[in-house]
Amino acid sequence: MFKYKQVIIVRTDLEMSPGKLATQVAHGAVVAFERTRKEHREWAEAWLSEGQKKVVVKVASEQELRKLQKRAEELSIPAELIQDAGLTELPPSTMTVLAIGPALNEVVDQLTGNLPLL
């Protein structure tokens, strides 16, 4: 049973190609993990040791990402908002994903538990 998970929240309004979407999710996962490792080393180590559970969910807008980022800060959950560099499909600084944790399941679920899977 997993006690920790990481959740990546993807904007569906951008209609990214599968490759672009995969790259943005991967970027978010790495950056959020690094932040968690700095702020909550014990969470990061526990998540690594139990199998690194990840869940990818979706929202329909940048506004929803920003709202979730603010809520993550209120809950003291490590979160990283990813902005695209604008070299391929999207304009520079487009917010593409919000990566949450890893953190305890019950805490992350307060933030993302009602979001649909991608």
N, C-alpha and C. Protein backbone atom coordinates (compact mmCIF):
# COMPACT_ATOMS: atom_id res chain seq x y z
N MET A 1 0.84 -1.19 0.00
CA MET A 1 0.00 0.00 0.00
C MET A 1 0.89 1.26 0.00
N PHE A 2 0.52 2.20 -0.80
CA PHE A 2 1.28 3.44 -0.91
C PHE A 2 0.79 4.46 0.12
N LYS A 3 1.71 5.10 0.80
CA LYS A 3 1.38 6.18 1.74
C LYS A 3 1.59 7.55 1.10
N TYR A 4 2.41 7.59 0.04
CA TYR A 4 2.78 8.84 -0.62
C TYR A 4 2.47 8.74 -2.12
N LYS A 5 2.21 9.91 -2.71
CA LYS A 5 2.06 9.94 -4.16
C LYS A 5 2.40 11.33 -4.68
N GLN A 6 2.62 11.36 -5.96
CA GLN A 6 2.84 12.61 -6.68
C GLN A 6 1.70 12.72 -7.68
N VAL A 7 1.15 13.92 -7.82
CA VAL A 7 0.07 14.14 -8.78
C VAL A 7 0.49 15.24 -9.74
N ILE A 8 0.33 14.97 -11.02
CA ILE A 8 0.62 15.94 -12.06
C ILE A 8 -0.71 16.35 -12.68
N ILE A 9 -0.97 17.65 -12.68
CA ILE A 9 -2.24 18.20 -13.18
C ILE A 9 -1.96 18.86 -14.52
N VAL A 10 -2.65 18.41 -15.56
CA VAL A 10 -2.41 18.86 -16.93
C VAL A 10 -3.57 19.71 -17.42
N ARG A 11 -3.24 20.79 -18.11
CA ARG A 11 -4.26 21.62 -18.77
C ARG A 11 -4.69 20.95 -20.08
N THR A 12 -5.98 20.71 -20.22
CA THR A 12 -6.47 20.10 -21.46
C THR A 12 -6.86 21.13 -22.51
N ASP A 13 -6.99 22.39 -22.13
CA ASP A 13 -7.38 23.41 -23.10
C ASP A 13 -6.26 23.73 -24.09
N LEU A 14 -5.04 23.31 -23.80
CA LEU A 14 -3.92 23.61 -24.69
C LEU A 14 -3.82 22.66 -25.88
N GLU A 15 -4.45 21.50 -25.77
CA GLU A 15 -4.42 20.51 -26.84
C GLU A 15 -2.99 20.22 -27.30
N MET A 16 -2.12 19.91 -26.33
CA MET A 16 -0.73 19.57 -26.64
C MET A 16 -0.65 18.22 -27.34
N SER A 17 0.34 18.07 -28.21
CA SER A 17 0.58 16.77 -28.84
C SER A 17 0.98 15.77 -27.75
N PRO A 18 0.85 14.48 -28.01
CA PRO A 18 1.24 13.49 -26.99
C PRO A 18 2.69 13.65 -26.52
N GLY A 19 3.58 13.95 -27.43
CA GLY A 19 4.98 14.12 -27.06
C GLY A 19 5.20 15.34 -26.18
N LYS A 20 4.57 16.44 -26.52
CA LYS A 20 4.68 17.67 -25.72
C LYS A 20 4.10 17.44 -24.34
N LEU A 21 2.93 16.79 -24.29
CA LEU A 21 2.29 16.52 -23.02
C LEU A 21 3.19 15.64 -22.14
N ALA A 22 3.75 14.59 -22.71
CA ALA A 22 4.63 13.70 -21.95
C ALA A 22 5.85 14.45 -21.41
N THR A 23 6.40 15.33 -22.22
CA THR A 23 7.56 16.11 -21.80
C THR A 23 7.21 17.04 -20.65
N GLN A 24 6.08 17.69 -20.71
CA GLN A 24 5.66 18.61 -19.66
C GLN A 24 5.39 17.86 -18.35
N VAL A 25 4.75 16.70 -18.44
CA VAL A 25 4.48 15.89 -17.26
C VAL A 25 5.80 15.43 -16.64
N ALA A 26 6.73 14.98 -17.46
CA ALA A 26 8.03 14.53 -16.95
C ALA A 26 8.78 15.68 -16.28
N HIS A 27 8.77 16.82 -16.90
CA HIS A 27 9.43 17.99 -16.33
C HIS A 27 8.84 18.32 -14.96
N GLY A 28 7.53 18.34 -14.89
CA GLY A 28 6.87 18.61 -13.62
C GLY A 28 7.22 17.59 -12.55
N ALA A 29 7.24 16.32 -12.91
CA ALA A 29 7.55 15.27 -11.94
C ALA A 29 8.94 15.45 -11.34
N VAL A 30 9.91 15.75 -12.18
CA VAL A 30 11.29 15.91 -11.71
C VAL A 30 11.43 17.15 -10.83
N VAL A 31 10.92 18.27 -11.30
CA VAL A 31 11.08 19.52 -10.56
C VAL A 31 10.35 19.46 -9.21
N ALA A 32 9.15 18.89 -9.19
CA ALA A 32 8.41 18.79 -7.93
C ALA A 32 9.11 17.83 -6.97
N PHE A 33 9.66 16.73 -7.49
CA PHE A 33 10.40 15.82 -6.62
C PHE A 33 11.59 16.53 -5.98
N GLU A 34 12.34 17.28 -6.78
CA GLU A 34 13.50 18.01 -6.25
C GLU A 34 13.08 18.99 -5.16
N ARG A 35 11.98 19.66 -5.36
CA ARG A 35 11.49 20.59 -4.34
C ARG A 35 11.12 19.83 -3.06
N THR A 36 10.43 18.71 -3.23
CA THR A 36 10.06 17.91 -2.06
C THR A 36 11.30 17.41 -1.34
N ARG A 37 12.29 16.99 -2.08
CA ARG A 37 13.52 16.49 -1.46
C ARG A 37 14.19 17.57 -0.61
N LYS A 38 14.12 18.81 -1.06
CA LYS A 38 14.71 19.92 -0.30
C LYS A 38 13.87 20.29 0.92
N GLU A 39 12.55 20.29 0.77
CA GLU A 39 11.66 20.76 1.83
C GLU A 39 11.22 19.67 2.81
N HIS A 40 11.09 18.44 2.30
CA HIS A 40 10.59 17.32 3.11
C HIS A 40 11.34 16.05 2.69
N ARG A 41 12.60 15.99 3.04
CA ARG A 41 13.45 14.88 2.61
C ARG A 41 12.83 13.52 2.96
N GLU A 42 12.21 13.42 4.14
CA GLU A 42 11.64 12.14 4.56
C GLU A 42 10.50 11.69 3.64
N TRP A 43 9.70 12.64 3.14
CA TRP A 43 8.64 12.30 2.19
C TRP A 43 9.24 11.77 0.90
N ALA A 44 10.25 12.47 0.40
CA ALA A 44 10.89 12.07 -0.86
C ALA A 44 11.49 10.67 -0.75
N GLU A 45 12.18 10.40 0.35
CA GLU A 45 12.81 9.09 0.52
C GLU A 45 11.76 7.98 0.67
N ALA A 46 10.70 8.26 1.41
CA ALA A 46 9.64 7.26 1.57
C ALA A 46 8.96 6.96 0.24
N TRP A 47 8.70 8.01 -0.52
CA TRP A 47 8.07 7.85 -1.84
C TRP A 47 8.96 7.02 -2.76
N LEU A 48 10.25 7.29 -2.76
CA LEU A 48 11.18 6.51 -3.58
C LEU A 48 11.19 5.05 -3.16
N SER A 49 11.22 4.79 -1.86
CA SER A 49 11.33 3.42 -1.38
C SER A 49 10.07 2.60 -1.60
N GLU A 50 8.90 3.25 -1.67
CA GLU A 50 7.67 2.48 -1.82
C GLU A 50 7.19 2.34 -3.27
N GLY A 51 7.94 2.86 -4.23
CA GLY A 51 7.58 2.62 -5.63
C GLY A 51 7.21 3.82 -6.46
N GLN A 52 7.23 5.04 -5.88
CA GLN A 52 7.06 6.27 -6.64
C GLN A 52 5.71 6.39 -7.35
N LYS A 53 4.63 6.22 -6.63
CA LYS A 53 3.29 6.34 -7.21
C LYS A 53 3.08 7.73 -7.79
N LYS A 54 2.58 7.76 -9.03
CA LYS A 54 2.26 9.00 -9.73
C LYS A 54 0.87 8.88 -10.32
N VAL A 55 0.15 9.99 -10.29
CA VAL A 55 -1.18 10.04 -10.89
C VAL A 55 -1.24 11.29 -11.76
N VAL A 56 -1.81 11.17 -12.96
CA VAL A 56 -1.95 12.32 -13.85
C VAL A 56 -3.43 12.62 -14.01
N VAL A 57 -3.80 13.86 -13.67
CA VAL A 57 -5.19 14.30 -13.74
C VAL A 57 -5.29 15.53 -14.63
N LYS A 58 -6.49 16.02 -14.83
CA LYS A 58 -6.65 17.14 -15.77
C LYS A 58 -7.54 18.23 -15.22
N VAL A 59 -7.27 19.44 -15.74
CA VAL A 59 -8.12 20.61 -15.55
C VAL A 59 -8.26 21.28 -16.91
N ALA A 60 -9.18 22.22 -16.99
CA ALA A 60 -9.49 22.83 -18.29
C ALA A 60 -8.88 24.20 -18.52
N SER A 61 -8.13 24.74 -17.53
CA SER A 61 -7.66 26.12 -17.71
C SER A 61 -6.46 26.45 -16.83
N GLU A 62 -5.77 27.51 -17.22
CA GLU A 62 -4.68 28.05 -16.41
C GLU A 62 -5.21 28.54 -15.07
N GLN A 63 -6.37 29.14 -15.07
CA GLN A 63 -6.97 29.64 -13.84
C GLN A 63 -7.12 28.52 -12.81
N GLU A 64 -7.54 27.34 -13.27
CA GLU A 64 -7.68 26.21 -12.35
C GLU A 64 -6.32 25.77 -11.80
N LEU A 65 -5.27 25.77 -12.66
CA LEU A 65 -3.93 25.44 -12.18
C LEU A 65 -3.48 26.39 -11.08
N ARG A 66 -3.67 27.67 -11.32
CA ARG A 66 -3.24 28.68 -10.35
C ARG A 66 -4.01 28.56 -9.02
N LYS A 67 -5.28 28.26 -9.12
CA LYS A 67 -6.09 28.08 -7.92
C LYS A 67 -5.58 26.89 -7.10
N LEU A 68 -5.24 25.81 -7.79
CA LEU A 68 -4.71 24.62 -7.12
C LEU A 68 -3.32 24.87 -6.54
N GLN A 69 -2.52 25.66 -7.23
CA GLN A 69 -1.19 26.01 -6.71
C GLN A 69 -1.34 26.78 -5.40
N LYS A 70 -2.24 27.73 -5.38
CA LYS A 70 -2.46 28.52 -4.16
C LYS A 70 -2.92 27.62 -3.01
N ARG A 71 -3.82 26.71 -3.31
CA ARG A 71 -4.32 25.78 -2.28
C ARG A 71 -3.19 24.87 -1.78
N ALA A 72 -2.30 24.43 -2.68
CA ALA A 72 -1.16 23.60 -2.27
C ALA A 72 -0.28 24.36 -1.29
N GLU A 73 -0.05 25.63 -1.58
CA GLU A 73 0.74 26.46 -0.67
C GLU A 73 0.06 26.56 0.70
N GLU A 74 -1.25 26.73 0.72
CA GLU A 74 -1.99 26.81 1.98
C GLU A 74 -1.87 25.52 2.79
N LEU A 75 -1.79 24.37 2.08
CA LEU A 75 -1.68 23.07 2.73
C LEU A 75 -0.22 22.67 2.99
N SER A 76 0.72 23.53 2.60
CA SER A 76 2.17 23.27 2.74
C SER A 76 2.61 22.02 1.99
N ILE A 77 2.03 21.83 0.80
CA ILE A 77 2.43 20.72 -0.06
C ILE A 77 3.37 21.29 -1.12
N PRO A 78 4.53 20.68 -1.32
CA PRO A 78 5.42 21.14 -2.40
C PRO A 78 4.70 21.06 -3.74
N ALA A 79 4.75 22.13 -4.51
CA ALA A 79 4.09 22.18 -5.81
C ALA A 79 4.90 23.05 -6.76
N GLU A 80 4.94 22.65 -8.01
CA GLU A 80 5.68 23.40 -9.03
C GLU A 80 4.81 23.62 -10.25
N LEU A 81 4.66 24.87 -10.63
CA LEU A 81 3.93 25.24 -11.84
C LEU A 81 4.94 25.30 -12.98
N ILE A 82 4.69 24.55 -14.03
CA ILE A 82 5.63 24.45 -15.14
C ILE A 82 5.20 25.38 -16.28
N GLN A 83 6.17 26.17 -16.74
CA GLN A 83 5.95 27.06 -17.88
C GLN A 83 6.78 26.57 -19.05
N ASP A 84 6.15 26.49 -20.21
CA ASP A 84 6.85 26.05 -21.40
C ASP A 84 7.81 27.13 -21.90
N ALA A 85 8.92 26.70 -22.46
CA ALA A 85 9.92 27.64 -22.98
C ALA A 85 9.48 28.28 -24.29
N GLY A 86 8.51 27.69 -24.96
CA GLY A 86 8.01 28.28 -26.19
C GLY A 86 8.83 27.97 -27.43
N LEU A 87 9.57 26.88 -27.41
CA LEU A 87 10.43 26.55 -28.55
C LEU A 87 9.74 25.73 -29.62
N THR A 88 8.58 25.14 -29.31
CA THR A 88 7.92 24.28 -30.30
C THR A 88 6.45 24.66 -30.48
N GLU A 89 5.56 24.07 -29.71
CA GLU A 89 4.12 24.19 -29.95
C GLU A 89 3.43 25.35 -29.27
N LEU A 90 3.97 25.82 -28.18
CA LEU A 90 3.26 26.79 -27.34
C LEU A 90 4.01 28.11 -27.25
N PRO A 91 3.30 29.18 -26.99
CA PRO A 91 3.98 30.46 -26.77
C PRO A 91 4.85 30.40 -25.51
N PRO A 92 5.93 31.19 -25.46
CA PRO A 92 6.77 31.21 -24.26
C PRO A 92 5.96 31.53 -23.01
N SER A 93 6.33 30.88 -21.92
CA SER A 93 5.74 31.09 -20.59
C SER A 93 4.33 30.55 -20.43
N THR A 94 3.86 29.72 -21.35
CA THR A 94 2.55 29.09 -21.20
C THR A 94 2.60 28.12 -20.02
N MET A 95 1.67 28.26 -19.09
CA MET A 95 1.57 27.35 -17.95
C MET A 95 0.95 26.05 -18.44
N THR A 96 1.67 24.95 -18.29
CA THR A 96 1.19 23.68 -18.86
C THR A 96 0.72 22.68 -17.81
N VAL A 97 1.47 22.52 -16.74
CA VAL A 97 1.12 21.55 -15.70
C VAL A 97 1.46 22.10 -14.32
N LEU A 98 0.82 21.53 -13.33
CA LEU A 98 1.15 21.76 -11.93
C LEU A 98 1.48 20.40 -11.34
N ALA A 99 2.68 20.27 -10.79
CA ALA A 99 3.12 19.02 -10.18
C ALA A 99 3.06 19.17 -8.67
N ILE A 100 2.43 18.22 -8.01
CA ILE A 100 2.20 18.24 -6.57
C ILE A 100 2.96 17.08 -5.93
N GLY A 101 3.76 17.38 -4.92
CA GLY A 101 4.43 16.35 -4.14
C GLY A 101 5.62 15.72 -4.82
N PRO A 102 6.01 14.58 -4.27
CA PRO A 102 5.25 13.64 -3.46
C PRO A 102 4.97 14.13 -2.05
N ALA A 103 3.81 13.69 -1.58
CA ALA A 103 3.36 13.99 -0.22
C ALA A 103 2.40 12.89 0.21
N LEU A 104 1.98 12.95 1.47
CA LEU A 104 1.06 11.94 1.98
C LEU A 104 -0.23 11.92 1.16
N ASN A 105 -0.71 10.72 0.87
CA ASN A 105 -1.92 10.55 0.07
C ASN A 105 -3.08 11.40 0.58
N GLU A 106 -3.35 11.34 1.88
CA GLU A 106 -4.53 12.02 2.41
C GLU A 106 -4.43 13.54 2.29
N VAL A 107 -3.21 14.05 2.30
CA VAL A 107 -3.04 15.50 2.13
C VAL A 107 -3.21 15.88 0.66
N VAL A 108 -2.59 15.12 -0.23
CA VAL A 108 -2.70 15.38 -1.66
C VAL A 108 -4.16 15.24 -2.11
N ASP A 109 -4.85 14.25 -1.56
CA ASP A 109 -6.25 14.02 -1.95
C ASP A 109 -7.15 15.20 -1.59
N GLN A 110 -6.81 15.95 -0.55
CA GLN A 110 -7.59 17.15 -0.21
C GLN A 110 -7.56 18.16 -1.36
N LEU A 111 -6.49 18.12 -2.11
CA LEU A 111 -6.27 19.08 -3.20
C LEU A 111 -6.73 18.53 -4.55
N THR A 112 -6.45 17.26 -4.82
CA THR A 112 -6.64 16.71 -6.17
C THR A 112 -7.60 15.54 -6.24
N GLY A 113 -8.14 15.12 -5.12
CA GLY A 113 -8.97 13.91 -5.09
C GLY A 113 -10.21 13.95 -5.95
N ASN A 114 -10.69 15.13 -6.28
CA ASN A 114 -11.91 15.23 -7.09
C ASN A 114 -11.63 15.50 -8.58
N LEU A 115 -10.36 15.55 -8.96
CA LEU A 115 -10.02 15.82 -10.36
C LEU A 115 -10.06 14.54 -11.19
N PRO A 116 -10.56 14.63 -12.44
CA PRO A 116 -10.62 13.42 -13.27
C PRO A 116 -9.24 13.04 -13.81
N LEU A 117 -9.05 11.73 -13.98
CA LEU A 117 -7.81 11.24 -14.58
C LEU A 117 -7.70 11.73 -16.02
N LEU A 118 -6.46 11.92 -16.45
CA LEU A 118 -6.24 12.35 -17.83
C LEU A 118 -6.57 11.22 -18.78
